Amino acid sequence: MPSCSLWLDADDASSMTLNGSGVSEWRNKSVDDTGLFDHAQSNASYQPAYITGAINSRTVVRFDGSDDELRGAGSTSRRSPAGSDQTFTYFIVARETAGASGIETLLQWGLNSGYILSATHTTWVIQNQRGAGGKYMTFSDATGGYDVYTDAAGAMLTTARIFTMTQTTSNQTYHVTGTLNASTSNPWTNVYPSDNGFIYSMIGDDAYGGGARSFEGDIAELVCYARNLTAAERTTVETYLQNKWDITVATQSVDPVLGSD
């Protein structure tokens, strides 16, 4: 399908550069954006681990919840994996490896060249929330303004799940392993940055630094399309991911206000 802007596949060794058991580079397999959105880490102390046979006998990238992170960037002509019209469909196959409380960041985009936040530019993040108030997955801005988030039934587990975020010109939706869990009618205007200086990203942590929001778990695959896929197209990708990673489709409870598929 056209418009695949980002494809990071942990089970494809040819897309990795390893430093012993650490991942020093994770390259984008997308044909549409070859050479863009690669993620790397030169400091061996911050490199996530390359773990073979982890999910369905396949390899994952494991983040330690302390300081592991990979850093990437787009270009002035392709500032983010989202479409320039602010639409996208994002798939993440992941699981947590521990049950401690806290906010954990899987991905953050819209940082400046120093990989820090700006008071005048809002980034967007995909996070695993494991707080006292419950567990859920969020797609939010860096200030904690949650646009769309799952209920507890859609939370990240220690078994792998598929988290699918879609933004159209009129709404956002969150599917968990193929089932609609949450939606909102407030799409963002900054998933494709308006400023050429904010094209930088992080996987496994965010710009708050110090490991305060580091992800503790496994990322198996990330796929992004620079448009909102049709329902049939989304199902095609989710079926591919389900079959590849041996993920069981489970029925999710849905907020009655939000509705369901």
Protein backbone atom coordinates (compact mmCIF):
# COMPACT_ATOMS: atom_id res chain seq x y z
CA MET A 1 0.00 0.00 0.00
CA PRO A 2 1.29 3.47 -0.84
CA SER A 3 2.35 6.18 1.62
CA CYS A 4 4.19 3.93 4.09
CA SER A 5 6.54 6.47 5.67
CA LEU A 6 8.03 4.53 8.60
CA TRP A 7 8.62 0.81 9.03
CA LEU A 8 10.84 -0.43 11.85
CA ASP A 9 10.94 -4.22 12.02
CA ALA A 10 12.84 -5.73 14.95
CA ASP A 11 12.86 -9.17 13.33
CA ASP A 12 14.70 -7.98 10.23
CA ALA A 13 18.39 -8.17 11.11
CA SER A 14 19.33 -6.41 7.88
CA SER A 15 17.67 -3.24 9.17
CA MET A 16 19.76 -3.23 12.35
CA THR A 17 23.30 -2.30 13.30
CA LEU A 18 24.35 -4.06 16.48
CA ASN A 19 26.98 -3.20 19.05
CA GLY A 20 27.35 -6.52 20.79
CA SER A 21 23.87 -7.16 22.17
CA GLY A 22 22.86 -3.50 21.85
CA VAL A 23 21.08 -1.80 18.96
CA SER A 24 23.09 1.16 17.71
CA GLU A 25 20.89 1.81 14.66
CA TRP A 26 17.39 0.81 13.59
CA ARG A 27 16.79 1.73 9.95
CA ASN A 28 13.54 2.59 8.24
CA LYS A 29 12.44 -0.10 5.76
CA SER A 30 9.95 2.20 4.04
CA VAL A 31 10.45 2.42 0.28
CA ASP A 32 8.67 5.78 0.15
CA ASP A 33 11.01 7.45 2.67
CA THR A 34 14.26 5.52 2.35
CA GLY A 35 17.07 7.22 4.27
CA LEU A 36 14.70 9.20 6.48
CA PHE A 37 13.42 8.45 9.98
CA ASP A 38 16.25 6.04 10.83
CA HIS A 39 16.90 5.87 14.60
CA ALA A 40 20.28 5.45 16.24
CA GLN A 41 22.19 5.67 19.51
CA SER A 42 25.99 6.08 19.60
CA ASN A 43 26.31 5.81 23.39
CA ALA A 44 26.49 2.10 24.26
CA SER A 45 25.08 2.76 27.73
CA TYR A 46 21.81 3.99 26.19
CA GLN A 47 21.39 1.33 23.51
CA PRO A 48 18.35 -0.97 23.85
CA ALA A 49 18.95 -4.71 23.70
CA TYR A 50 18.53 -7.02 20.72
CA ILE A 51 16.56 -9.99 22.10
CA THR A 52 16.07 -13.03 19.86
CA GLY A 53 13.21 -15.52 20.23
CA ALA A 54 11.20 -13.15 22.40
CA ILE A 55 7.75 -13.07 20.72
CA ASN A 56 6.64 -15.97 18.52
CA SER A 57 10.32 -16.99 18.26
CA ARG A 58 11.09 -13.59 16.71
CA THR A 59 13.42 -10.78 17.69
CA VAL A 60 12.41 -7.62 19.56
CA VAL A 61 14.13 -4.43 20.68
CA ARG A 62 14.04 -4.30 24.49
CA PHE A 63 14.16 -1.03 26.42
CA ASP A 64 15.28 -1.15 30.07
CA GLY A 65 13.02 1.54 31.58
CA SER A 66 16.04 3.49 32.76
CA ASP A 67 17.87 5.32 29.99
CA ASP A 68 17.60 3.36 26.73
CA GLU A 69 16.62 5.48 23.75
CA LEU A 70 17.04 5.79 20.00
CA ARG A 71 17.05 9.15 18.21
CA GLY A 72 15.94 9.97 14.70
CA ALA A 73 14.97 12.77 12.35
CA GLY A 74 13.10 13.64 9.24
CA SER A 75 14.11 16.39 6.84
CA THR A 76 12.88 19.84 5.94
CA SER A 77 10.98 18.29 3.05
CA ARG A 78 9.57 15.35 5.12
CA ARG A 79 9.27 16.61 8.67
CA SER A 80 7.44 13.63 10.20
CA PRO A 81 5.95 10.27 9.21
CA ALA A 82 2.51 11.91 9.20
CA GLY A 83 1.05 13.39 6.04
CA SER A 84 1.45 17.09 5.41
CA ASP A 85 -2.35 17.32 5.78
CA GLN A 86 -1.90 16.08 9.40
CA THR A 87 -3.38 12.62 8.72
CA PHE A 88 -1.68 9.30 9.54
CA THR A 89 -2.21 5.69 10.60
CA TYR A 90 0.32 4.32 13.10
CA PHE A 91 0.76 0.69 14.20
CA ILE A 92 2.91 -0.41 17.15
CA VAL A 93 3.40 -4.00 18.28
CA ALA A 94 4.71 -3.90 21.85
CA ARG A 95 4.50 -5.30 25.35
CA GLU A 96 5.66 -4.22 28.78
CA THR A 97 8.12 -6.38 30.71
CA ALA A 98 7.38 -5.14 34.23
CA GLY A 99 4.46 -3.77 36.18
CA ALA A 100 5.88 -0.70 37.91
CA SER A 101 3.83 2.48 37.94
CA GLY A 102 4.64 5.55 35.91
CA ILE A 103 4.45 7.16 32.48
CA GLU A 104 6.48 5.49 29.74
CA THR A 105 7.12 6.90 26.29
CA LEU A 106 7.32 4.66 23.26
CA LEU A 107 7.68 7.48 20.74
CA GLN A 108 7.96 11.26 20.75
CA TRP A 109 8.08 13.50 17.69
CA GLY A 110 8.46 17.23 17.07
CA LEU A 111 11.64 17.94 19.04
CA ASN A 112 14.30 20.45 18.07
CA SER A 113 17.86 19.52 17.05
CA GLY A 114 18.91 19.29 20.70
CA TYR A 115 16.16 16.70 21.28
CA ILE A 116 14.46 18.96 23.80
CA LEU A 117 11.04 20.57 24.08
CA SER A 118 10.25 24.09 23.03
CA ALA A 119 7.93 26.42 24.90
CA THR A 120 6.46 27.52 21.58
CA HIS A 121 6.14 24.15 19.85
CA THR A 122 4.07 21.20 21.03
CA THR A 123 5.35 17.68 20.42
CA TRP A 124 3.25 14.53 20.15
CA VAL A 125 3.88 11.32 22.05
CA ILE A 126 2.64 7.74 22.31
CA GLN A 127 2.78 6.63 25.93
CA ASN A 128 2.04 3.68 28.20
CA GLN A 129 0.39 5.01 31.37
CA ARG A 130 0.79 2.80 34.44
CA GLY A 131 -0.34 5.13 37.21
CA ALA A 132 -2.38 4.79 40.38
CA GLY A 133 -5.45 5.83 38.42
CA GLY A 134 -5.26 2.79 36.16
CA LYS A 135 -3.51 1.54 33.04
CA TYR A 136 -4.13 2.78 29.52
CA MET A 137 -2.39 3.80 26.30
CA THR A 138 -2.36 7.44 25.25
CA PHE A 139 -1.67 9.52 22.18
CA SER A 140 -1.05 12.96 23.60
CA ASP A 141 0.97 16.13 23.56
CA ALA A 142 4.07 16.50 25.70
CA THR A 143 2.33 18.65 28.31
CA GLY A 144 -0.03 15.86 29.30
CA GLY A 145 -2.97 16.98 27.19
CA TYR A 146 -4.39 13.61 26.17
CA ASP A 147 -6.18 13.67 22.85
CA VAL A 148 -7.19 10.03 22.67
CA TYR A 149 -6.56 7.29 25.21
CA THR A 150 -7.78 3.76 25.82
CA ASP A 151 -9.65 2.44 28.80
CA ALA A 152 -8.09 -0.21 31.04
CA ALA A 153 -9.11 -2.99 28.65
CA GLY A 154 -6.88 -1.42 26.02
CA ALA A 155 -3.83 -1.09 28.25
CA MET A 156 -0.45 -2.52 27.39
CA LEU A 157 0.11 -6.02 28.77
CA THR A 158 3.06 -8.35 29.22
CA THR A 159 1.74 -10.18 26.15
CA ALA A 160 2.13 -8.40 22.82
CA ARG A 161 -0.70 -6.29 21.44
CA ILE A 162 -1.21 -4.12 18.37
CA PHE A 163 -1.92 -0.45 19.07
CA THR A 164 -3.29 1.45 16.07
CA MET A 165 -3.67 5.23 16.10
CA THR A 166 -5.41 6.95 13.20
CA GLN A 167 -5.92 10.64 12.56
CA THR A 168 -8.24 11.90 9.86
CA THR A 169 -9.09 15.52 9.14
CA SER A 170 -11.97 15.27 11.63
CA ASN A 171 -11.10 12.70 14.32
CA GLN A 172 -8.62 10.39 16.01
CA THR A 173 -9.21 6.72 16.83
CA TYR A 174 -7.38 4.13 18.92
CA HIS A 175 -7.74 0.46 18.00
CA VAL A 176 -6.25 -2.25 20.21
CA THR A 177 -5.51 -5.48 18.37
CA GLY A 178 -8.08 -4.66 15.73
CA THR A 179 -10.92 -3.42 17.95
CA LEU A 180 -11.94 0.20 18.39
CA ASN A 181 -11.34 1.29 21.97
CA ALA A 182 -11.44 5.09 21.91
CA SER A 183 -12.03 8.08 19.65
CA THR A 184 -12.14 11.86 19.72
CA SER A 185 -13.32 14.56 17.35
CA ASN A 186 -10.30 16.79 18.04
CA PRO A 187 -7.55 16.01 15.52
CA TRP A 188 -4.20 17.68 16.06
CA THR A 189 -2.64 20.32 13.86
CA ASN A 190 1.00 19.57 14.67
CA VAL A 191 1.66 15.89 13.97
CA TYR A 192 3.30 17.20 10.82
CA PRO A 193 5.38 20.08 12.26
CA SER A 194 4.88 23.53 10.83
CA ASP A 195 8.48 24.48 11.65
CA ASN A 196 11.49 22.95 9.88
CA GLY A 197 13.41 23.03 13.16
CA PHE A 198 11.19 20.47 14.89
CA ILE A 199 11.73 17.31 12.87
CA TYR A 200 13.47 15.18 15.51
CA SER A 201 12.19 12.11 17.35
CA MET A 202 12.94 9.65 20.15
CA ILE A 203 11.96 6.01 20.63
CA GLY A 204 11.90 4.54 24.16
CA ASP A 205 12.07 7.83 26.06
CA ASP A 206 11.09 11.47 25.77
CA ALA A 207 12.63 14.91 26.09
CA TYR A 208 11.96 15.21 29.81
CA GLY A 209 15.29 13.39 30.17
CA GLY A 210 16.82 11.51 33.05
CA GLY A 211 14.93 8.33 32.22
CA ALA A 212 11.85 9.61 34.05
CA ARG A 213 9.57 8.37 31.27
CA SER A 214 11.69 5.60 29.76
CA PHE A 215 9.84 2.64 28.31
CA GLU A 216 10.36 -0.73 30.00
CA GLY A 217 9.38 -3.33 27.50
CA ASP A 218 9.69 -4.76 24.01
CA ILE A 219 8.96 -3.08 20.69
CA ALA A 220 8.52 -5.60 17.91
CA GLU A 221 7.37 -3.48 14.98
CA LEU A 222 6.34 0.09 14.14
CA VAL A 223 4.59 0.97 10.89
CA CYS A 224 3.27 4.38 9.89
CA TYR A 225 1.35 5.55 6.83
CA ALA A 226 1.25 9.24 5.94
CA ARG A 227 -2.53 9.14 5.52
CA ASN A 228 -5.57 7.67 7.22
CA LEU A 229 -6.01 4.15 5.90
CA THR A 230 -9.40 2.78 4.99
CA ALA A 231 -10.89 0.21 7.35
CA ALA A 232 -10.00 -2.55 4.89
CA GLU A 233 -6.41 -1.33 4.59
CA ARG A 234 -6.03 -1.08 8.36
CA THR A 235 -7.34 -4.62 8.75
CA THR A 236 -4.82 -5.84 6.18
CA VAL A 237 -1.90 -4.43 8.15
CA GLU A 238 -3.27 -5.65 11.49
CA THR A 239 -3.77 -9.15 10.07
CA TYR A 240 -0.17 -9.19 8.85
CA LEU A 241 1.03 -8.16 12.32
CA GLN A 242 -1.25 -10.63 14.11
CA ASN A 243 -0.01 -13.53 11.99
CA LYS A 244 3.63 -12.54 12.22
CA TRP A 245 3.74 -12.00 15.98
CA ASP A 246 1.11 -14.63 16.92
CA ILE A 247 -1.18 -12.11 18.60
CA THR A 248 -4.60 -13.28 19.71
CA VAL A 249 -7.44 -10.95 18.83
CA ALA A 250 -9.30 -10.10 22.04
CA THR A 251 -12.59 -8.26 22.44
CA GLN A 252 -12.11 -4.87 24.05
CA SER A 253 -14.60 -3.03 26.21
CA VAL A 254 -15.50 0.35 24.76
CA ASP A 255 -16.61 3.56 26.42
CA PRO A 256 -20.33 3.78 25.58
CA VAL A 257 -19.90 7.48 24.85
CA LEU A 258 -17.33 6.72 22.18
CA GLY A 259 -19.14 3.85 20.51
CA SER A 260 -17.59 0.91 18.67
CA ASP A 261 -16.86 -0.42 15.22
